[in-house]
Amino acid sequence: MKLNLAQKNDKKIFTIEIYQANGKLSSRSEYELKDKNIEKNEIKKLYELEKLGKIDYSSKIIEQYYENGNLKSRLTDIHTKENGKLINEECGE
């Protein structure tokens, strides 16, 4: 597993990447955080809060997989969470 926090276009993006035993990427989740004051040194705390469902975010859940030896990606879900409650959920392709 790999955790990352980056700044993109004035947005804080928290990324969780899960790898297969052979080292290939199996899934990637990106969370656009509503709290822009979170810093890189808080990444483990942020991951724990995410597991507990205690952070607010607009989330893009991205599934990555291999097909005929090529890495493919697709948007699977978009969630919006405020005050610990899911307020919007859309399914992608």
Protein backbone atom coordinates (compact mmCIF):
# COMPACT_ATOMS: atom_id res chain seq x y z
CA MET A 1 0.00 0.00 0.00
CA LYS A 2 1.17 3.53 -0.80
CA LEU A 3 -0.31 6.76 0.60
CA ASN A 4 0.16 10.19 -0.94
CA LEU A 5 -1.08 13.74 -0.33
CA ALA A 6 -0.66 16.28 -3.13
CA GLN A 7 -1.79 19.77 -4.06
CA LYS A 8 -3.47 19.96 -7.51
CA ASN A 9 -5.16 23.10 -8.81
CA ASP A 10 -5.75 24.51 -5.30
CA LYS A 11 -7.17 21.15 -4.13
CA LYS A 12 -5.74 18.67 -1.65
CA ILE A 13 -5.78 15.17 -3.14
CA PHE A 14 -5.27 12.12 -0.88
CA THR A 15 -4.39 8.92 -2.78
CA ILE A 16 -4.38 5.30 -1.61
CA GLU A 17 -2.74 2.75 -3.91
CA ILE A 18 -3.03 -1.02 -3.31
CA TYR A 19 -0.53 -3.35 -4.99
CA GLN A 20 -0.67 -7.05 -5.84
CA ALA A 21 1.95 -9.43 -4.44
CA ASN A 22 3.85 -9.21 -7.76
CA GLY A 23 4.19 -5.43 -7.35
CA LYS A 24 1.60 -4.44 -9.95
CA LEU A 25 -0.98 -1.78 -9.07
CA SER A 26 -4.41 -3.32 -8.45
CA SER A 27 -6.46 -0.34 -7.26
CA ARG A 28 -6.16 3.37 -6.65
CA SER A 29 -8.53 5.66 -4.74
CA GLU A 30 -8.35 9.46 -4.91
CA TYR A 31 -10.06 11.69 -2.38
CA GLU A 32 -10.47 15.41 -2.97
CA LEU A 33 -10.35 16.71 0.60
CA LYS A 34 -12.57 19.50 1.81
CA ASP A 35 -10.07 20.42 4.56
CA LYS A 36 -7.23 22.14 2.71
CA ASN A 37 -5.18 22.63 5.90
CA ILE A 38 -4.02 19.00 6.13
CA GLU A 39 -0.24 18.61 5.71
CA LYS A 40 1.91 15.72 4.45
CA ASN A 41 3.12 14.89 7.97
CA GLU A 42 -0.52 14.06 8.85
CA ILE A 43 -0.90 11.40 6.14
CA LYS A 44 -1.06 8.38 8.49
CA LYS A 45 -3.58 10.18 10.69
CA LEU A 46 -5.58 11.04 7.56
CA TYR A 47 -5.58 7.37 6.50
CA GLU A 48 -6.86 6.31 9.93
CA LEU A 49 -9.60 8.98 9.79
CA GLU A 50 -10.58 7.78 6.32
CA LYS A 51 -10.88 4.18 7.58
CA LEU A 52 -13.13 5.42 10.41
CA GLY A 53 -15.21 7.55 8.02
CA LYS A 54 -14.43 10.77 9.86
CA ILE A 55 -13.16 13.03 7.06
CA ASP A 56 -15.17 15.12 4.61
CA TYR A 57 -14.36 14.64 0.94
CA SER A 58 -15.51 14.52 -2.63
CA SER A 59 -14.20 11.14 -3.66
CA LYS A 60 -13.38 9.69 -7.03
CA ILE A 61 -12.98 5.93 -6.74
CA ILE A 62 -10.83 4.72 -9.60
CA GLU A 63 -10.43 1.08 -10.51
CA GLN A 64 -7.24 0.15 -12.32
CA TYR A 65 -6.73 -3.28 -13.82
CA TYR A 66 -4.76 -5.12 -16.48
CA GLU A 67 -6.37 -6.20 -19.76
CA ASN A 68 -4.27 -7.90 -22.43
CA GLY A 69 -1.14 -6.70 -20.65
CA ASN A 70 -2.24 -3.04 -20.65
CA LEU A 71 -3.12 -1.03 -17.56
CA LYS A 72 -6.69 0.28 -17.84
CA SER A 73 -8.56 2.70 -15.58
CA ARG A 74 -12.20 3.55 -15.07
CA LEU A 75 -14.13 5.79 -12.74
CA THR A 76 -16.40 3.59 -10.67
CA ASP A 77 -18.00 5.87 -8.07
CA ILE A 78 -18.21 9.48 -6.93
CA HIS A 79 -19.14 10.12 -3.30
CA THR A 80 -19.57 13.34 -1.37
CA LYS A 81 -19.31 13.18 2.40
CA GLU A 82 -19.96 16.01 4.86
CA ASN A 83 -19.99 15.91 8.66
CA GLY A 84 -19.39 12.16 8.58
CA LYS A 85 -22.49 11.47 6.44
CA LEU A 86 -22.69 10.37 2.81
CA ILE A 87 -24.75 13.05 1.04
CA ASN A 88 -24.30 12.07 -2.60
CA GLU A 89 -23.39 8.87 -4.42
CA GLU A 90 -23.13 8.37 -8.18
CA CYS A 91 -21.97 5.28 -10.03
CA GLY A 92 -19.76 5.50 -13.10
CA GLU A 93 -19.16 3.01 -15.87
